[in-house]
Amino acid sequence: VQPGGSLRLSCEVHGYFFQAYTVGWYRQTPGKQR
């Protein structure tokens, strides 16, 4: 996308009691830690 634009990311969780847990989003670029 161009600067100023928008995106919506999705995270589907399988094999987990999803309702009772916290969800986190992370990001990583080459040479950097998450």
ModelCIF file with pLDDT and N, C-alpha, C, O atoms, coordinates in Angstrom:
data_MODEL
#
_entry.id   MODEL 
#
_entity.id                         1 
_entity.type                       polymer 
_entity.pdbx_number_of_molecules   1 
#
_entity_poly.entity_id                      1 
_entity_poly.type                           'polypeptide(L)' 
_entity_poly.nstd_linkage                   no 
_entity_poly.nstd_monomer                   no 
_entity_poly.pdbx_seq_one_letter_code       VQPGGSLRLSCEVHGYFFQAYTVGWYRQTPGKQR 
_entity_poly.pdbx_seq_one_letter_code_can   VQPGGSLRLSCEVHGYFFQAYTVGWYRQTPGKQR 
_entity_poly.pdbx_strand_id                 A 
#
loop_
_entity_poly_seq.entity_id 
_entity_poly_seq.num 
_entity_poly_seq.mon_id 
_entity_poly_seq.hetero 
1 1  VAL n 
1 2  GLN n 
1 3  PRO n 
1 4  GLY n 
1 5  GLY n 
1 6  SER n 
1 7  LEU n 
1 8  ARG n 
1 9  LEU n 
1 10 SER n 
1 11 CYS n 
1 12 GLU n 
1 13 VAL n 
1 14 HIS n 
1 15 GLY n 
1 16 TYR n 
1 17 PHE n 
1 18 PHE n 
1 19 GLN n 
1 20 ALA n 
1 21 TYR n 
1 22 THR n 
1 23 VAL n 
1 24 GLY n 
1 25 TRP n 
1 26 TYR n 
1 27 ARG n 
1 28 GLN n 
1 29 THR n 
1 30 PRO n 
1 31 GLY n 
1 32 LYS n 
1 33 GLN n 
1 34 ARG n 
#
_struct_asym.id          A 
_struct_asym.entity_id   1 
#
loop_
_ma_qa_metric.id 
_ma_qa_metric.mode 
_ma_qa_metric.name 
_ma_qa_metric.software_group_id 
_ma_qa_metric.type 
1 global pLDDT . pLDDT 
2 local  pLDDT . pLDDT 
#
_ma_qa_metric_global.metric_id      1 
_ma_qa_metric_global.metric_value   93.24 
_ma_qa_metric_global.model_id       1 
_ma_qa_metric_global.ordinal_id     1 
#
loop_
_ma_qa_metric_local.label_asym_id 
_ma_qa_metric_local.label_comp_id 
_ma_qa_metric_local.label_seq_id 
_ma_qa_metric_local.metric_id 
_ma_qa_metric_local.metric_value 
_ma_qa_metric_local.model_id 
_ma_qa_metric_local.ordinal_id 
A VAL 1  2 98.00 1 1  
A GLN 2  2 98.00 1 2  
A PRO 3  2 98.00 1 3  
A GLY 4  2 98.00 1 4  
A GLY 5  2 98.00 1 5  
A SER 6  2 98.00 1 6  
A LEU 7  2 98.00 1 7  
A ARG 8  2 98.00 1 8  
A LEU 9  2 98.00 1 9  
A SER 10 2 98.00 1 10 
A CYS 11 2 97.00 1 11 
A GLU 12 2 96.00 1 12 
A VAL 13 2 92.00 1 13 
A HIS 14 2 89.00 1 14 
A GLY 15 2 78.00 1 15 
A TYR 16 2 71.00 1 16 
A PHE 17 2 82.00 1 17 
A PHE 18 2 87.00 1 18 
A GLN 19 2 88.00 1 19 
A ALA 20 2 88.00 1 20 
A TYR 21 2 91.00 1 21 
A THR 22 2 95.00 1 22 
A VAL 23 2 96.00 1 23 
A GLY 24 2 98.00 1 24 
A TRP 25 2 98.00 1 25 
A TYR 26 2 98.00 1 26 
A ARG 27 2 98.00 1 27 
A GLN 28 2 97.00 1 28 
A THR 29 2 95.00 1 29 
A PRO 30 2 89.00 1 30 
A GLY 31 2 89.00 1 31 
A LYS 32 2 92.00 1 32 
A GLN 33 2 92.00 1 33 
A ARG 34 2 94.00 1 34 
#
loop_
_atom_site.group_PDB 
_atom_site.id 
_atom_site.type_symbol 
_atom_site.label_atom_id 
_atom_site.label_alt_id 
_atom_site.label_comp_id 
_atom_site.label_asym_id 
_atom_site.label_entity_id 
_atom_site.label_seq_id 
_atom_site.pdbx_PDB_ins_code 
_atom_site.Cartn_x 
_atom_site.Cartn_y 
_atom_site.Cartn_z 
_atom_site.occupancy 
_atom_site.B_iso_or_equiv 
_atom_site.pdbx_formal_charge 
_atom_site.auth_seq_id 
_atom_site.auth_comp_id 
_atom_site.auth_asym_id 
_atom_site.auth_atom_id 
_atom_site.pdbx_PDB_model_num 
ATOM 1   N N  . VAL A 1 1  ? 0.841   -1.193  0.000  1.00 98.00 ? 1  VAL A N  1 
ATOM 2   C CA . VAL A 1 1  ? 0.000   0.000   0.000  1.00 98.00 ? 1  VAL A CA 1 
ATOM 3   C C  . VAL A 1 1  ? 0.878   1.244   0.000  1.00 98.00 ? 1  VAL A C  1 
ATOM 4   O O  . VAL A 1 1  ? 2.065   1.185   0.321  1.00 98.00 ? 1  VAL A O  1 
ATOM 5   N N  . GLN A 1 2  ? 0.282   2.357   -0.361 1.00 98.00 ? 2  GLN A N  1 
ATOM 6   C CA . GLN A 1 2  ? 0.962   3.640   -0.310 1.00 98.00 ? 2  GLN A CA 1 
ATOM 7   C C  . GLN A 1 2  ? 0.912   4.224   1.091  1.00 98.00 ? 2  GLN A C  1 
ATOM 8   O O  . GLN A 1 2  ? 0.016   3.887   1.865  1.00 98.00 ? 2  GLN A O  1 
ATOM 9   N N  . PRO A 1 3  ? 1.853   5.090   1.432  1.00 98.00 ? 3  PRO A N  1 
ATOM 10  C CA . PRO A 1 3  ? 1.776   5.759   2.732  1.00 98.00 ? 3  PRO A CA 1 
ATOM 11  C C  . PRO A 1 3  ? 0.428   6.438   2.930  1.00 98.00 ? 3  PRO A C  1 
ATOM 12  O O  . PRO A 1 3  ? -0.114  7.060   2.016  1.00 98.00 ? 3  PRO A O  1 
ATOM 13  N N  . GLY A 1 4  ? -0.102  6.308   4.141  1.00 98.00 ? 4  GLY A N  1 
ATOM 14  C CA . GLY A 1 4  ? -1.417  6.837   4.440  1.00 98.00 ? 4  GLY A CA 1 
ATOM 15  C C  . GLY A 1 4  ? -2.549  5.866   4.208  1.00 98.00 ? 4  GLY A C  1 
ATOM 16  O O  . GLY A 1 4  ? -3.686  6.135   4.595  1.00 98.00 ? 4  GLY A O  1 
ATOM 17  N N  . GLY A 1 5  ? -2.258  4.744   3.584  1.00 98.00 ? 5  GLY A N  1 
ATOM 18  C CA . GLY A 1 5  ? -3.266  3.750   3.302  1.00 98.00 ? 5  GLY A CA 1 
ATOM 19  C C  . GLY A 1 5  ? -3.581  2.877   4.499  1.00 98.00 ? 5  GLY A C  1 
ATOM 20  O O  . GLY A 1 5  ? -3.052  3.077   5.592  1.00 98.00 ? 5  GLY A O  1 
ATOM 21  N N  . SER A 1 6  ? -4.461  1.896   4.275  1.00 98.00 ? 6  SER A N  1 
ATOM 22  C CA . SER A 1 6  ? -4.929  1.020   5.344  1.00 98.00 ? 6  SER A CA 1 
ATOM 23  C C  . SER A 1 6  ? -4.890  -0.437  4.915  1.00 98.00 ? 6  SER A C  1 
ATOM 24  O O  . SER A 1 6  ? -5.016  -0.755  3.732  1.00 98.00 ? 6  SER A O  1 
ATOM 25  N N  . LEU A 1 7  ? -4.716  -1.306  5.880  1.00 98.00 ? 7  LEU A N  1 
ATOM 26  C CA . LEU A 1 7  ? -4.808  -2.745  5.696  1.00 98.00 ? 7  LEU A CA 1 
ATOM 27  C C  . LEU A 1 7  ? -5.428  -3.357  6.941  1.00 98.00 ? 7  LEU A C  1 
ATOM 28  O O  . LEU A 1 7  ? -5.299  -2.821  8.041  1.00 98.00 ? 7  LEU A O  1 
ATOM 29  N N  . ARG A 1 8  ? -6.101  -4.484  6.754  1.00 98.00 ? 8  ARG A N  1 
ATOM 30  C CA . ARG A 1 8  ? -6.599  -5.254  7.878  1.00 98.00 ? 8  ARG A CA 1 
ATOM 31  C C  . ARG A 1 8  ? -6.006  -6.649  7.825  1.00 98.00 ? 8  ARG A C  1 
ATOM 32  O O  . ARG A 1 8  ? -6.222  -7.385  6.862  1.00 98.00 ? 8  ARG A O  1 
ATOM 33  N N  . LEU A 1 9  ? -5.267  -7.010  8.846  1.00 98.00 ? 9  LEU A N  1 
ATOM 34  C CA . LEU A 1 9  ? -4.668  -8.321  8.949  1.00 98.00 ? 9  LEU A CA 1 
ATOM 35  C C  . LEU A 1 9  ? -5.558  -9.246  9.770  1.00 98.00 ? 9  LEU A C  1 
ATOM 36  O O  . LEU A 1 9  ? -6.247  -8.808  10.691 1.00 98.00 ? 9  LEU A O  1 
ATOM 37  N N  . SER A 1 10 ? -5.535  -10.526 9.425  1.00 98.00 ? 10 SER A N  1 
ATOM 38  C CA . SER A 1 10 ? -6.303  -11.527 10.136 1.00 98.00 ? 10 SER A CA 1 
ATOM 39  C C  . SER A 1 10 ? -5.381  -12.580 10.719 1.00 98.00 ? 10 SER A C  1 
ATOM 40  O O  . SER A 1 10 ? -4.354  -12.918 10.132 1.00 98.00 ? 10 SER A O  1 
ATOM 41  N N  . CYS A 1 11 ? -5.756  -13.092 11.876 1.00 97.00 ? 11 CYS A N  1 
ATOM 42  C CA . CYS A 1 11 ? -5.019  -14.153 12.552 1.00 97.00 ? 11 CYS A CA 1 
ATOM 43  C C  . CYS A 1 11 ? -6.012  -15.244 12.934 1.00 97.00 ? 11 CYS A C  1 
ATOM 44  O O  . CYS A 1 11 ? -6.766  -15.097 13.896 1.00 97.00 ? 11 CYS A O  1 
ATOM 45  N N  . GLU A 1 12 ? -6.009  -16.328 12.183 1.00 96.00 ? 12 GLU A N  1 
ATOM 46  C CA . GLU A 1 12 ? -6.851  -17.474 12.494 1.00 96.00 ? 12 GLU A CA 1 
ATOM 47  C C  . GLU A 1 12 ? -6.081  -18.431 13.405 1.00 96.00 ? 12 GLU A C  1 
ATOM 48  O O  . GLU A 1 12 ? -4.934  -18.778 13.122 1.00 96.00 ? 12 GLU A O  1 
ATOM 49  N N  . VAL A 1 13 ? -6.710  -18.848 14.486 1.00 92.00 ? 13 VAL A N  1 
ATOM 50  C CA . VAL A 1 13 ? -6.077  -19.694 15.490 1.00 92.00 ? 13 VAL A CA 1 
ATOM 51  C C  . VAL A 1 13 ? -6.772  -21.042 15.518 1.00 92.00 ? 13 VAL A C  1 
ATOM 52  O O  . VAL A 1 13 ? -7.992  -21.115 15.667 1.00 92.00 ? 13 VAL A O  1 
ATOM 53  N N  . HIS A 1 14 ? -5.994  -22.113 15.375 1.00 89.00 ? 14 HIS A N  1 
ATOM 54  C CA . HIS A 1 14 ? -6.521  -23.470 15.364 1.00 89.00 ? 14 HIS A CA 1 
ATOM 55  C C  . HIS A 1 14 ? -5.817  -24.300 16.427 1.00 89.00 ? 14 HIS A C  1 
ATOM 56  O O  . HIS A 1 14 ? -4.643  -24.080 16.726 1.00 89.00 ? 14 HIS A O  1 
ATOM 57  N N  . GLY A 1 15 ? -6.548  -25.261 16.998 1.00 78.00 ? 15 GLY A N  1 
ATOM 58  C CA . GLY A 1 15 ? -5.983  -26.156 17.992 1.00 78.00 ? 15 GLY A CA 1 
ATOM 59  C C  . GLY A 1 15 ? -5.691  -25.475 19.320 1.00 78.00 ? 15 GLY A C  1 
ATOM 60  O O  . GLY A 1 15 ? -4.724  -25.824 19.997 1.00 78.00 ? 15 GLY A O  1 
ATOM 61  N N  . TYR A 1 16 ? -6.514  -24.509 19.698 1.00 71.00 ? 16 TYR A N  1 
ATOM 62  C CA . TYR A 1 16 ? -6.293  -23.707 20.891 1.00 71.00 ? 16 TYR A CA 1 
ATOM 63  C C  . TYR A 1 16 ? -7.638  -23.273 21.456 1.00 71.00 ? 16 TYR A C  1 
ATOM 64  O O  . TYR A 1 16 ? -8.599  -23.053 20.719 1.00 71.00 ? 16 TYR A O  1 
ATOM 65  N N  . PHE A 1 17 ? -7.683  -23.154 22.789 1.00 82.00 ? 17 PHE A N  1 
ATOM 66  C CA . PHE A 1 17 ? -8.900  -22.659 23.430 1.00 82.00 ? 17 PHE A CA 1 
ATOM 67  C C  . PHE A 1 17 ? -8.909  -21.140 23.303 1.00 82.00 ? 17 PHE A C  1 
ATOM 68  O O  . PHE A 1 17 ? -8.591  -20.421 24.250 1.00 82.00 ? 17 PHE A O  1 
ATOM 69  N N  . PHE A 1 18 ? -9.271  -20.678 22.141 1.00 87.00 ? 18 PHE A N  1 
ATOM 70  C CA . PHE A 1 18 ? -9.064  -19.300 21.730 1.00 87.00 ? 18 PHE A CA 1 
ATOM 71  C C  . PHE A 1 18 ? -9.714  -18.287 22.662 1.00 87.00 ? 18 PHE A C  1 
ATOM 72  O O  . PHE A 1 18 ? -9.108  -17.268 22.993 1.00 87.00 ? 18 PHE A O  1 
ATOM 73  N N  . GLN A 1 19 ? -10.939 -18.559 23.086 1.00 88.00 ? 19 GLN A N  1 
ATOM 74  C CA . GLN A 1 19 ? -11.713 -17.586 23.846 1.00 88.00 ? 19 GLN A CA 1 
ATOM 75  C C  . GLN A 1 19 ? -11.059 -17.158 25.155 1.00 88.00 ? 19 GLN A C  1 
ATOM 76  O O  . GLN A 1 19 ? -11.309 -16.051 25.632 1.00 88.00 ? 19 GLN A O  1 
ATOM 77  N N  . ALA A 1 20 ? -10.233 -18.006 25.738 1.00 88.00 ? 20 ALA A N  1 
ATOM 78  C CA . ALA A 1 20 ? -9.664  -17.751 27.055 1.00 88.00 ? 20 ALA A CA 1 
ATOM 79  C C  . ALA A 1 20 ? -8.271  -17.134 27.013 1.00 88.00 ? 20 ALA A C  1 
ATOM 80  O O  . ALA A 1 20 ? -7.651  -16.956 28.061 1.00 88.00 ? 20 ALA A O  1 
ATOM 81  N N  . TYR A 1 21 ? -7.774  -16.807 25.841 1.00 91.00 ? 21 TYR A N  1 
ATOM 82  C CA . TYR A 1 21 ? -6.381  -16.414 25.719 1.00 91.00 ? 21 TYR A CA 1 
ATOM 83  C C  . TYR A 1 21 ? -6.209  -15.040 25.094 1.00 91.00 ? 21 TYR A C  1 
ATOM 84  O O  . TYR A 1 21 ? -7.071  -14.529 24.379 1.00 91.00 ? 21 TYR A O  1 
ATOM 85  N N  . THR A 1 22 ? -5.060  -14.475 25.400 1.00 95.00 ? 22 THR A N  1 
ATOM 86  C CA . THR A 1 22 ? -4.669  -13.197 24.834 1.00 95.00 ? 22 THR A CA 1 
ATOM 87  C C  . THR A 1 22 ? -3.989  -13.406 23.486 1.00 95.00 ? 22 THR A C  1 
ATOM 88  O O  . THR A 1 22 ? -3.260  -14.378 23.291 1.00 95.00 ? 22 THR A O  1 
ATOM 89  N N  . VAL A 1 23 ? -4.234  -12.491 22.569 1.00 96.00 ? 23 VAL A N  1 
ATOM 90  C CA . VAL A 1 23 ? -3.640  -12.531 21.238 1.00 96.00 ? 23 VAL A CA 1 
ATOM 91  C C  . VAL A 1 23 ? -2.707  -11.347 21.069 1.00 96.00 ? 23 VAL A C  1 
ATOM 92  O O  . VAL A 1 23 ? -3.037  -10.224 21.452 1.00 96.00 ? 23 VAL A O  1 
ATOM 93  N N  . GLY A 1 24 ? -1.559  -11.598 20.501 1.00 98.00 ? 24 GLY A N  1 
ATOM 94  C CA . GLY A 1 24 ? -0.610  -10.538 20.227 1.00 98.00 ? 24 GLY A CA 1 
ATOM 95  C C  . GLY A 1 24 ? -0.234  -10.485 18.762 1.00 98.00 ? 24 GLY A C  1 
ATOM 96  O O  . GLY A 1 24 ? -0.172  -11.508 18.081 1.00 98.00 ? 24 GLY A O  1 
ATOM 97  N N  . TRP A 1 25 ? 0.016   -9.278  18.290 1.00 98.00 ? 25 TRP A N  1 
ATOM 98  C CA . TRP A 1 25 ? 0.557   -9.057  16.959 1.00 98.00 ? 25 TRP A CA 1 
ATOM 99  C C  . TRP A 1 25 ? 1.981   -8.541  17.087 1.00 98.00 ? 25 TRP A C  1 
ATOM 100 O O  . TRP A 1 25 ? 2.293   -7.764  17.989 1.00 98.00 ? 25 TRP A O  1 
ATOM 101 N N  . TYR A 1 26 ? 2.848   -8.982  16.169 1.00 98.00 ? 26 TYR A N  1 
ATOM 102 C CA . TYR A 1 26 ? 4.253   -8.631  16.175 1.00 98.00 ? 26 TYR A CA 1 
ATOM 103 C C  . TYR A 1 26 ? 4.698   -8.356  14.749 1.00 98.00 ? 26 TYR A C  1 
ATOM 104 O O  . TYR A 1 26 ? 4.014   -8.726  13.795 1.00 98.00 ? 26 TYR A O  1 
ATOM 105 N N  . ARG A 1 27 ? 5.840   -7.710  14.607 1.00 98.00 ? 27 ARG A N  1 
ATOM 106 C CA . ARG A 1 27 ? 6.381   -7.492  13.276 1.00 98.00 ? 27 ARG A CA 1 
ATOM 107 C C  . ARG A 1 27 ? 7.901   -7.592  13.318 1.00 98.00 ? 27 ARG A C  1 
ATOM 108 O O  . ARG A 1 27 ? 8.534   -7.379  14.353 1.00 98.00 ? 27 ARG A O  1 
ATOM 109 N N  . GLN A 1 28 ? 8.466   -7.924  12.155 1.00 97.00 ? 28 GLN A N  1 
ATOM 110 C CA . GLN A 1 28 ? 9.898   -8.129  12.063 1.00 97.00 ? 28 GLN A CA 1 
ATOM 111 C C  . GLN A 1 28 ? 10.399  -7.737  10.684 1.00 97.00 ? 28 GLN A C  1 
ATOM 112 O O  . GLN A 1 28 ? 9.787   -8.071  9.669  1.00 97.00 ? 28 GLN A O  1 
ATOM 113 N N  . THR A 1 29 ? 11.518  -7.023  10.658 1.00 95.00 ? 29 THR A N  1 
ATOM 114 C CA . THR A 1 29 ? 12.207  -6.682  9.423  1.00 95.00 ? 29 THR A CA 1 
ATOM 115 C C  . THR A 1 29 ? 13.553  -7.388  9.421  1.00 95.00 ? 29 THR A C  1 
ATOM 116 O O  . THR A 1 29 ? 14.039  -7.772  10.485 1.00 95.00 ? 29 THR A O  1 
ATOM 117 N N  . PRO A 1 30 ? 14.178  -7.575  8.245  1.00 89.00 ? 30 PRO A N  1 
ATOM 118 C CA . PRO A 1 30 ? 15.469  -8.277  8.188  1.00 89.00 ? 30 PRO A CA 1 
ATOM 119 C C  . PRO A 1 30 ? 16.513  -7.645  9.099  1.00 89.00 ? 30 PRO A C  1 
ATOM 120 O O  . PRO A 1 30 ? 16.708  -6.430  9.086  1.00 89.00 ? 30 PRO A O  1 
ATOM 121 N N  . GLY A 1 31 ? 17.178  -8.478  9.887  1.00 89.00 ? 31 GLY A N  1 
ATOM 122 C CA . GLY A 1 31 ? 18.212  -8.010  10.787 1.00 89.00 ? 31 GLY A CA 1 
ATOM 123 C C  . GLY A 1 31 ? 17.710  -7.466  12.107 1.00 89.00 ? 31 GLY A C  1 
ATOM 124 O O  . GLY A 1 31 ? 18.505  -7.031  12.940 1.00 89.00 ? 31 GLY A O  1 
ATOM 125 N N  . LYS A 1 32 ? 16.408  -7.484  12.311 1.00 92.00 ? 32 LYS A N  1 
ATOM 126 C CA . LYS A 1 32 ? 15.823  -6.962  13.539 1.00 92.00 ? 32 LYS A CA 1 
ATOM 127 C C  . LYS A 1 32 ? 15.089  -8.071  14.291 1.00 92.00 ? 32 LYS A C  1 
ATOM 128 O O  . LYS A 1 32 ? 14.625  -9.044  13.698 1.00 92.00 ? 32 LYS A O  1 
ATOM 129 N N  . GLN A 1 33 ? 14.996  -7.902  15.597 1.00 92.00 ? 33 GLN A N  1 
ATOM 130 C CA . GLN A 1 33 ? 14.194  -8.812  16.400 1.00 92.00 ? 33 GLN A CA 1 
ATOM 131 C C  . GLN A 1 33 ? 12.719  -8.506  16.210 1.00 92.00 ? 33 GLN A C  1 
ATOM 132 O O  . GLN A 1 33 ? 12.336  -7.404  15.817 1.00 92.00 ? 33 GLN A O  1 
ATOM 133 N N  . ARG A 1 34 ? 11.914  -9.498  16.495 1.00 94.00 ? 34 ARG A N  1 
ATOM 134 C CA . ARG A 1 34 ? 10.480  -9.267  16.451 1.00 94.00 ? 34 ARG A CA 1 
ATOM 135 C C  . ARG A 1 34 ? 10.083  -8.184  17.460 1.00 94.00 ? 34 ARG A C  1 
ATOM 136 O O  . ARG A 1 34 ? 8.904   -7.847  17.572 1.00 94.00 ? 34 ARG A O  1 
#
